[in-house]
Amino acid sequence: DLGKPEAAPVALDFGIKASDPVFGADGQLYFLS
Protein backbone atom coordinates (compact mmCIF):
# COMPACT_ATOMS: atom_id res chain seq x y z
CA ASP A 1 0.00 0.00 0.00
CA LEU A 2 1.84 3.10 -1.25
CA GLY A 3 -0.43 5.28 0.83
CA LYS A 4 1.03 3.59 3.91
CA PRO A 5 4.72 3.13 3.06
CA GLU A 6 5.55 1.89 6.57
CA ALA A 7 2.96 -0.89 6.40
CA ALA A 8 4.10 -4.46 5.84
CA PRO A 9 3.49 -5.86 2.37
CA VAL A 10 0.97 -8.65 1.94
CA ALA A 11 1.82 -11.90 0.15
CA LEU A 12 -0.47 -12.75 -2.76
CA ASP A 13 -1.76 -16.28 -3.21
CA PHE A 14 -3.08 -16.69 -6.75
CA GLY A 15 -3.64 -20.40 -6.40
CA ILE A 16 -1.48 -20.99 -9.48
CA LYS A 17 2.10 -20.12 -10.36
CA ALA A 18 2.27 -16.61 -11.86
CA SER A 19 4.64 -14.28 -13.68
CA ASP A 20 4.69 -10.83 -15.31
CA PRO A 21 1.91 -9.20 -13.26
CA VAL A 22 0.49 -5.82 -14.34
CA PHE A 23 -2.53 -3.80 -13.30
CA GLY A 24 -5.36 -3.23 -15.75
CA ALA A 25 -7.58 -0.18 -16.08
CA ASP A 26 -10.22 -2.13 -14.12
CA GLY A 27 -7.89 -2.28 -11.12
CA GLN A 28 -7.47 -6.03 -11.39
CA LEU A 29 -4.10 -7.74 -11.64
CA TYR A 30 -3.30 -9.53 -14.90
CA PHE A 31 -0.55 -12.14 -15.14
CA LEU A 32 0.85 -15.05 -17.14
CA SER A 33 0.66 -18.65 -16.03
PDB file of all heavy atoms in Angstrom:
ATOM      1  N   ASP A   1       0.859  -1.187   0.000  1.00  0.00           N
ATOM      2  CA  ASP A   1       0.000   0.000   0.000  1.00  0.00           C
ATOM      3  C   ASP A   1       0.893   1.234   0.000  1.00  0.00           C
ATOM      4  O   ASP A   1       1.534   1.555   0.999  1.00  0.00           O
ATOM      5  CB  ASP A   1      -0.897  -0.024   1.242  1.00  0.00           C
ATOM      6  CG  ASP A   1      -1.931   1.093   1.238  1.00  0.00           C
ATOM      7  OD1 ASP A   1      -1.769   2.060   0.456  1.00  0.00           O
ATOM      8  OD2 ASP A   1      -2.891   1.008   2.022  1.00  0.00           O
ATOM      9  N   LEU A   2       0.952   1.942  -1.140  1.00  0.00           N
ATOM     10  CA  LEU A   2       1.839   3.100  -1.254  1.00  0.00           C
ATOM     11  C   LEU A   2       1.332   4.292  -0.450  1.00  0.00           C
ATOM     12  O   LEU A   2       2.081   5.245  -0.222  1.00  0.00           O
ATOM     13  CB  LEU A   2       1.999   3.489  -2.733  1.00  0.00           C
ATOM     14  CG  LEU A   2       2.670   2.422  -3.613  1.00  0.00           C
ATOM     15  CD1 LEU A   2       2.788   2.923  -5.045  1.00  0.00           C
ATOM     16  CD2 LEU A   2       4.037   2.034  -3.073  1.00  0.00           C
ATOM     17  N   GLY A   3       0.091   4.240  -0.044  1.00  0.00           N
ATOM     18  CA  GLY A   3      -0.430   5.284   0.832  1.00  0.00           C
ATOM     19  C   GLY A   3       0.009   5.088   2.272  1.00  0.00           C
ATOM     20  O   GLY A   3      -0.112   6.000   3.094  1.00  0.00           O
ATOM     21  N   LYS A   4       0.514   3.909   2.575  1.00  0.00           N
ATOM     22  CA  LYS A   4       1.027   3.590   3.908  1.00  0.00           C
ATOM     23  C   LYS A   4       2.396   2.929   3.748  1.00  0.00           C
ATOM     24  O   LYS A   4       2.540   1.714   3.944  1.00  0.00           O
ATOM     25  CB  LYS A   4       0.063   2.652   4.644  1.00  0.00           C
ATOM     26  CG  LYS A   4      -1.343   3.217   4.818  1.00  0.00           C
ATOM     27  CD  LYS A   4      -2.277   2.182   5.453  1.00  0.00           C
ATOM     28  CE  LYS A   4      -3.692   2.723   5.585  1.00  0.00           C
ATOM     29  NZ  LYS A   4      -4.617   1.690   6.142  1.00  0.00           N
ATOM     30  N   PRO A   5       3.410   3.713   3.375  1.00  0.00           N
ATOM     31  CA  PRO A   5       4.722   3.133   3.063  1.00  0.00           C
ATOM     32  C   PRO A   5       5.328   2.303   4.186  1.00  0.00           C
ATOM     33  O   PRO A   5       6.102   1.379   3.929  1.00  0.00           O
ATOM     34  CB  PRO A   5       5.583   4.367   2.756  1.00  0.00           C
ATOM     35  CG  PRO A   5       4.615   5.431   2.363  1.00  0.00           C
ATOM     36  CD  PRO A   5       3.391   5.166   3.181  1.00  0.00           C
ATOM     37  N   GLU A   6       4.962   2.630   5.452  1.00  0.00           N
ATOM     38  CA  GLU A   6       5.548   1.893   6.570  1.00  0.00           C
ATOM     39  C   GLU A   6       4.838   0.564   6.831  1.00  0.00           C
ATOM     40  O   GLU A   6       5.321  -0.258   7.618  1.00  0.00           O
ATOM     41  CB  GLU A   6       5.495   2.748   7.846  1.00  0.00           C
ATOM     42  CG  GLU A   6       6.165   4.118   7.717  1.00  0.00           C
ATOM     43  CD  GLU A   6       7.647   4.000   7.385  1.00  0.00           C
ATOM     44  OE1 GLU A   6       8.263   3.005   7.808  1.00  0.00           O
ATOM     45  OE2 GLU A   6       8.182   4.890   6.717  1.00  0.00           O
ATOM     46  N   ALA A   7       3.706   0.337   6.164  1.00  0.00           N
ATOM     47  CA  ALA A   7       2.956  -0.892   6.396  1.00  0.00           C
ATOM     48  C   ALA A   7       3.686  -2.083   5.787  1.00  0.00           C
ATOM     49  O   ALA A   7       4.412  -1.959   4.798  1.00  0.00           O
ATOM     50  CB  ALA A   7       1.559  -0.772   5.800  1.00  0.00           C
ATOM     51  N   ALA A   8       3.488  -3.244   6.365  1.00  0.00           N
ATOM     52  CA  ALA A   8       4.098  -4.464   5.842  1.00  0.00           C
ATOM     53  C   ALA A   8       3.388  -4.880   4.562  1.00  0.00           C
ATOM     54  O   ALA A   8       2.159  -4.779   4.452  1.00  0.00           O
ATOM     55  CB  ALA A   8       4.015  -5.578   6.874  1.00  0.00           C
ATOM     56  N   PRO A   9       4.122  -5.360   3.591  1.00  0.00           N
ATOM     57  CA  PRO A   9       3.489  -5.859   2.371  1.00  0.00           C
ATOM     58  C   PRO A   9       2.739  -7.151   2.649  1.00  0.00           C
ATOM     59  O   PRO A   9       2.999  -7.839   3.636  1.00  0.00           O
ATOM     60  CB  PRO A   9       4.670  -6.098   1.430  1.00  0.00           C
ATOM     61  CG  PRO A   9       5.825  -6.336   2.336  1.00  0.00           C
ATOM     62  CD  PRO A   9       5.582  -5.488   3.552  1.00  0.00           C
ATOM     63  N   VAL A  10       1.805  -7.470   1.770  1.00  0.00           N
ATOM     64  CA  VAL A  10       0.970  -8.652   1.937  1.00  0.00           C
ATOM     65  C   VAL A  10       1.276  -9.626   0.809  1.00  0.00           C
ATOM     66  O   VAL A  10       1.262  -9.255  -0.375  1.00  0.00           O
ATOM     67  CB  VAL A  10      -0.520  -8.270   1.918  1.00  0.00           C
ATOM     68  CG1 VAL A  10      -1.399  -9.522   1.991  1.00  0.00           C
ATOM     69  CG2 VAL A  10      -0.843  -7.326   3.066  1.00  0.00           C
ATOM     70  N   ALA A  11       1.557 -10.880   1.156  1.00  0.00           N
ATOM     71  CA  ALA A  11       1.819 -11.903   0.152  1.00  0.00           C
ATOM     72  C   ALA A  11       0.536 -12.231  -0.604  1.00  0.00           C
ATOM     73  O   ALA A  11      -0.553 -12.265  -0.026  1.00  0.00           O
ATOM     74  CB  ALA A  11       2.389 -13.153   0.809  1.00  0.00           C
ATOM     75  N   LEU A  12       0.676 -12.457  -1.910  1.00  0.00           N
ATOM     76  CA  LEU A  12      -0.468 -12.753  -2.763  1.00  0.00           C
ATOM     77  C   LEU A  12      -0.476 -14.231  -3.116  1.00  0.00           C
ATOM     78  O   LEU A  12       0.520 -14.768  -3.604  1.00  0.00           O
ATOM     79  CB  LEU A  12      -0.399 -11.918  -4.046  1.00  0.00           C
ATOM     80  CG  LEU A  12      -0.430 -10.401  -3.863  1.00  0.00           C
ATOM     81  CD1 LEU A  12      -0.209  -9.707  -5.195  1.00  0.00           C
ATOM     82  CD2 LEU A  12      -1.756  -9.961  -3.250  1.00  0.00           C
ATOM     83  N   ASP A  13      -1.596 -14.871  -2.871  1.00  0.00           N
ATOM     84  CA  ASP A  13      -1.761 -16.278  -3.215  1.00  0.00           C
ATOM     85  C   ASP A  13      -2.751 -16.380  -4.364  1.00  0.00           C
ATOM     86  O   ASP A  13      -3.958 -16.232  -4.186  1.00  0.00           O
ATOM     87  CB  ASP A  13      -2.258 -17.070  -2.004  1.00  0.00           C
ATOM     88  CG  ASP A  13      -2.395 -18.558  -2.303  1.00  0.00           C
ATOM     89  OD1 ASP A  13      -2.039 -18.977  -3.425  1.00  0.00           O
ATOM     90  OD2 ASP A  13      -2.858 -19.296  -1.411  1.00  0.00           O
ATOM     91  N   PHE A  14      -2.222 -16.612  -5.579  1.00  0.00           N
ATOM     92  CA  PHE A  14      -3.084 -16.690  -6.752  1.00  0.00           C
ATOM     93  C   PHE A  14      -3.687 -18.081  -6.931  1.00  0.00           C
ATOM     94  O   PHE A  14      -4.584 -18.263  -7.756  1.00  0.00           O
ATOM     95  CB  PHE A  14      -2.294 -16.330  -8.011  1.00  0.00           C
ATOM     96  CG  PHE A  14      -1.675 -14.962  -7.976  1.00  0.00           C
ATOM     97  CD1 PHE A  14      -0.304 -14.793  -8.106  1.00  0.00           C
ATOM     98  CD2 PHE A  14      -2.456 -13.830  -7.814  1.00  0.00           C
ATOM     99  CE1 PHE A  14       0.274 -13.539  -8.074  1.00  0.00           C
ATOM    100  CE2 PHE A  14      -1.897 -12.570  -7.779  1.00  0.00           C
ATOM    101  CZ  PHE A  14      -0.525 -12.420  -7.909  1.00  0.00           C
ATOM    102  N   GLY A  15      -3.162 -19.036  -6.224  1.00  0.00           N
ATOM    103  CA  GLY A  15      -3.636 -20.404  -6.396  1.00  0.00           C
ATOM    104  C   GLY A  15      -2.931 -21.145  -7.513  1.00  0.00           C
ATOM    105  O   GLY A  15      -2.981 -22.374  -7.586  1.00  0.00           O
ATOM    106  N   ILE A  16      -2.273 -20.406  -8.404  1.00  0.00           N
ATOM    107  CA  ILE A  16      -1.476 -20.994  -9.484  1.00  0.00           C
ATOM    108  C   ILE A  16      -0.194 -20.185  -9.615  1.00  0.00           C
ATOM    109  O   ILE A  16      -0.126 -19.019  -9.219  1.00  0.00           O
ATOM    110  CB  ILE A  16      -2.229 -21.011 -10.839  1.00  0.00           C
ATOM    111  CG1 ILE A  16      -2.726 -19.606 -11.203  1.00  0.00           C
ATOM    112  CG2 ILE A  16      -3.375 -21.998 -10.824  1.00  0.00           C
ATOM    113  CD1 ILE A  16      -3.394 -19.540 -12.568  1.00  0.00           C
ATOM    114  N   LYS A  17       0.834 -20.798 -10.156  1.00  0.00           N
ATOM    115  CA  LYS A  17       2.103 -20.120 -10.361  1.00  0.00           C
ATOM    116  C   LYS A  17       1.914 -18.981 -11.349  1.00  0.00           C
ATOM    117  O   LYS A  17       1.251 -19.137 -12.377  1.00  0.00           O
ATOM    118  CB  LYS A  17       3.144 -21.111 -10.878  1.00  0.00           C
ATOM    119  CG  LYS A  17       4.545 -20.556 -10.974  1.00  0.00           C
ATOM    120  CD  LYS A  17       5.517 -21.645 -11.424  1.00  0.00           C
ATOM    121  CE  LYS A  17       6.944 -21.104 -11.524  1.00  0.00           C
ATOM    122  NZ  LYS A  17       7.891 -22.167 -11.967  1.00  0.00           N
ATOM    123  N   ALA A  18       2.497 -17.805 -11.049  1.00  0.00           N
ATOM    124  CA  ALA A  18       2.265 -16.614 -11.862  1.00  0.00           C
ATOM    125  C   ALA A  18       3.575 -15.933 -12.232  1.00  0.00           C
ATOM    126  O   ALA A  18       4.609 -16.132 -11.585  1.00  0.00           O
ATOM    127  CB  ALA A  18       1.368 -15.629 -11.110  1.00  0.00           C
ATOM    128  N   SER A  19       3.505 -15.112 -13.290  1.00  0.00           N
ATOM    129  CA  SER A  19       4.642 -14.276 -13.681  1.00  0.00           C
ATOM    130  C   SER A  19       4.126 -13.051 -14.406  1.00  0.00           C
ATOM    131  O   SER A  19       2.972 -12.996 -14.831  1.00  0.00           O
ATOM    132  CB  SER A  19       5.623 -15.046 -14.582  1.00  0.00           C
ATOM    133  OG  SER A  19       5.040 -15.326 -15.845  1.00  0.00           O
ATOM    134  N   ASP A  20       4.971 -12.049 -14.529  1.00  0.00           N
ATOM    135  CA  ASP A  20       4.693 -10.831 -15.313  1.00  0.00           C
ATOM    136  C   ASP A  20       3.394 -10.124 -14.924  1.00  0.00           C
ATOM    137  O   ASP A  20       2.574  -9.780 -15.786  1.00  0.00           O
ATOM    138  CB  ASP A  20       4.660 -11.155 -16.811  1.00  0.00           C
ATOM    139  CG  ASP A  20       5.926 -11.820 -17.289  1.00  0.00           C
ATOM    140  OD1 ASP A  20       6.891 -11.089 -17.564  1.00  0.00           O
ATOM    141  OD2 ASP A  20       5.975 -13.066 -17.360  1.00  0.00           O
ATOM    142  N   PRO A  21       3.165  -9.851 -13.646  1.00  0.00           N
ATOM    143  CA  PRO A  21       1.907  -9.198 -13.257  1.00  0.00           C
ATOM    144  C   PRO A  21       1.883  -7.720 -13.641  1.00  0.00           C
ATOM    145  O   PRO A  21       2.895  -7.026 -13.534  1.00  0.00           O
ATOM    146  CB  PRO A  21       1.885  -9.371 -11.744  1.00  0.00           C
ATOM    147  CG  PRO A  21       3.332  -9.428 -11.345  1.00  0.00           C
ATOM    148  CD  PRO A  21       4.020 -10.138 -12.473  1.00  0.00           C
ATOM    149  N   VAL A  22       0.720  -7.242 -14.079  1.00  0.00           N
ATOM    150  CA  VAL A  22       0.492  -5.816 -14.335  1.00  0.00           C
ATOM    151  C   VAL A  22      -0.957  -5.497 -13.964  1.00  0.00           C
ATOM    152  O   VAL A  22      -1.832  -6.364 -14.025  1.00  0.00           O
ATOM    153  CB  VAL A  22       0.745  -5.417 -15.808  1.00  0.00           C
ATOM    154  CG1 VAL A  22       2.195  -5.622 -16.197  1.00  0.00           C
ATOM    155  CG2 VAL A  22      -0.169  -6.178 -16.747  1.00  0.00           C
ATOM    156  N   PHE A  23      -1.172  -4.244 -13.600  1.00  0.00           N
ATOM    157  CA  PHE A  23      -2.533  -3.800 -13.304  1.00  0.00           C
ATOM    158  C   PHE A  23      -3.241  -3.381 -14.588  1.00  0.00           C
ATOM    159  O   PHE A  23      -2.642  -2.768 -15.481  1.00  0.00           O
ATOM    160  CB  PHE A  23      -2.508  -2.617 -12.338  1.00  0.00           C
ATOM    161  CG  PHE A  23      -2.264  -3.002 -10.914  1.00  0.00           C
ATOM    162  CD1 PHE A  23      -0.986  -2.967 -10.379  1.00  0.00           C
ATOM    163  CD2 PHE A  23      -3.323  -3.391 -10.100  1.00  0.00           C
ATOM    164  CE1 PHE A  23      -0.757  -3.310  -9.054  1.00  0.00           C
ATOM    165  CE2 PHE A  23      -3.112  -3.737  -8.778  1.00  0.00           C
ATOM    166  CZ  PHE A  23      -1.820  -3.705  -8.249  1.00  0.00           C
ATOM    167  N   GLY A  24      -4.537  -3.697 -14.663  1.00  0.00           N
ATOM    168  CA  GLY A  24      -5.362  -3.226 -15.754  1.00  0.00           C
ATOM    169  C   GLY A  24      -6.123  -1.981 -15.366  1.00  0.00           C
ATOM    170  O   GLY A  24      -6.131  -1.553 -14.202  1.00  0.00           O
ATOM    171  N   ALA A  25      -6.788  -1.382 -16.349  1.00  0.00           N
ATOM    172  CA  ALA A  25      -7.580  -0.182 -16.083  1.00  0.00           C
ATOM    173  C   ALA A  25      -8.729  -0.469 -15.117  1.00  0.00           C
ATOM    174  O   ALA A  25      -9.227   0.449 -14.459  1.00  0.00           O
ATOM    175  CB  ALA A  25      -8.122   0.377 -17.401  1.00  0.00           C
ATOM    176  N   ASP A  26      -9.143  -1.747 -15.031  1.00  0.00           N
ATOM    177  CA  ASP A  26     -10.221  -2.126 -14.123  1.00  0.00           C
ATOM    178  C   ASP A  26      -9.733  -2.339 -12.694  1.00  0.00           C
ATOM    179  O   ASP A  26     -10.520  -2.715 -11.815  1.00  0.00           O
ATOM    180  CB  ASP A  26     -10.916  -3.393 -14.634  1.00  0.00           C
ATOM    181  CG  ASP A  26      -9.948  -4.558 -14.825  1.00  0.00           C
ATOM    182  OD1 ASP A  26      -8.758  -4.418 -14.479  1.00  0.00           O
ATOM    183  OD2 ASP A  26     -10.381  -5.609 -15.340  1.00  0.00           O
ATOM    184  N   GLY A  27      -8.444  -2.123 -12.459  1.00  0.00           N
ATOM    185  CA  GLY A  27      -7.888  -2.284 -11.123  1.00  0.00           C
ATOM    186  C   GLY A  27      -7.503  -3.703 -10.779  1.00  0.00           C
ATOM    187  O   GLY A  27      -6.920  -3.952  -9.715  1.00  0.00           O
ATOM    188  N   GLN A  28      -7.838  -4.651 -11.657  1.00  0.00           N
ATOM    189  CA  GLN A  28      -7.468  -6.032 -11.394  1.00  0.00           C
ATOM    190  C   GLN A  28      -6.026  -6.290 -11.830  1.00  0.00           C
ATOM    191  O   GLN A  28      -5.443  -5.526 -12.611  1.00  0.00           O
ATOM    192  CB  GLN A  28      -8.426  -6.991 -12.105  1.00  0.00           C
ATOM    193  CG  GLN A  28      -9.865  -6.880 -11.600  1.00  0.00           C
ATOM    194  CD  GLN A  28     -10.665  -8.135 -11.865  1.00  0.00           C
ATOM    195  OE1 GLN A  28     -10.183  -9.242 -11.685  1.00  0.00           O
ATOM    196  NE2 GLN A  28     -11.913  -7.964 -12.285  1.00  0.00           N
ATOM    197  N   LEU A  29      -5.480  -7.382 -11.326  1.00  0.00           N
ATOM    198  CA  LEU A  29      -4.105  -7.741 -11.644  1.00  0.00           C
ATOM    199  C   LEU A  29      -4.114  -8.829 -12.710  1.00  0.00           C
ATOM    200  O   LEU A  29      -4.765  -9.876 -12.539  1.00  0.00           O
ATOM    201  CB  LEU A  29      -3.373  -8.237 -10.401  1.00  0.00           C
ATOM    202  CG  LEU A  29      -1.846  -8.342 -10.517  1.00  0.00           C
ATOM    203  CD1 LEU A  29      -1.226  -6.950 -10.567  1.00  0.00           C
ATOM    204  CD2 LEU A  29      -1.270  -9.143  -9.361  1.00  0.00           C
ATOM    205  N   TYR A  30      -3.403  -8.579 -13.799  1.00  0.00           N
ATOM    206  CA  TYR A  30      -3.296  -9.528 -14.905  1.00  0.00           C
ATOM    207  C   TYR A  30      -1.915 -10.174 -14.850  1.00  0.00           C
ATOM    208  O   TYR A  30      -0.923  -9.513 -14.533  1.00  0.00           O
ATOM    209  CB  TYR A  30      -3.482  -8.814 -16.243  1.00  0.00           C
ATOM    210  CG  TYR A  30      -4.880  -8.283 -16.490  1.00  0.00           C
ATOM    211  CD1 TYR A  30      -5.408  -7.236 -15.728  1.00  0.00           C
ATOM    212  CD2 TYR A  30      -5.680  -8.822 -17.497  1.00  0.00           C
ATOM    213  CE1 TYR A  30      -6.687  -6.747 -15.958  1.00  0.00           C
ATOM    214  CE2 TYR A  30      -6.963  -8.332 -17.737  1.00  0.00           C
ATOM    215  CZ  TYR A  30      -7.459  -7.290 -16.961  1.00  0.00           C
ATOM    216  OH  TYR A  30      -8.721  -6.818 -17.203  1.00  0.00           O
ATOM    217  N   PHE A  31      -1.849 -11.459 -15.195  1.00  0.00           N
ATOM    218  CA  PHE A  31      -0.553 -12.136 -15.137  1.00  0.00           C
ATOM    219  C   PHE A  31      -0.536 -13.332 -16.084  1.00  0.00           C
ATOM    220  O   PHE A  31      -1.583 -13.777 -16.579  1.00  0.00           O
ATOM    221  CB  PHE A  31      -0.243 -12.587 -13.706  1.00  0.00           C
ATOM    222  CG  PHE A  31      -1.239 -13.547 -13.112  1.00  0.00           C
ATOM    223  CD1 PHE A  31      -1.093 -14.928 -13.250  1.00  0.00           C
ATOM    224  CD2 PHE A  31      -2.331 -13.075 -12.386  1.00  0.00           C
ATOM    225  CE1 PHE A  31      -2.007 -15.807 -12.707  1.00  0.00           C
ATOM    226  CE2 PHE A  31      -3.257 -13.949 -11.831  1.00  0.00           C
ATOM    227  CZ  PHE A  31      -3.090 -15.324 -11.993  1.00  0.00           C
ATOM    228  N   LEU A  32       0.666 -13.849 -16.327  1.00  0.00           N
ATOM    229  CA  LEU A  32       0.849 -15.047 -17.140  1.00  0.00           C
ATOM    230  C   LEU A  32       0.962 -16.262 -16.241  1.00  0.00           C
ATOM    231  O   LEU A  32       1.513 -16.187 -15.140  1.00  0.00           O
ATOM    232  CB  LEU A  32       2.133 -14.952 -17.972  1.00  0.00           C
ATOM    233  CG  LEU A  32       2.131 -14.146 -19.262  1.00  0.00           C
ATOM    234  CD1 LEU A  32       3.525 -14.168 -19.879  1.00  0.00           C
ATOM    235  CD2 LEU A  32       1.110 -14.674 -20.255  1.00  0.00           C
ATOM    236  N   SER A  33       0.453 -17.387 -16.733  1.00  0.00           N
ATOM    237  CA  SER A  33       0.662 -18.649 -16.027  1.00  0.00           C
ATOM    238  C   SER A  33       0.471 -19.806 -16.994  1.00  0.00           C
ATOM    239  O   SER A  33      -0.448 -19.794 -17.825  1.00  0.00           O
ATOM    240  CB  SER A  33      -0.304 -18.812 -14.851  1.00  0.00           C
ATOM    241  OG  SER A  33      -0.055 -20.047 -14.193  1.00  0.00           O
TER     242      SER A  33
END
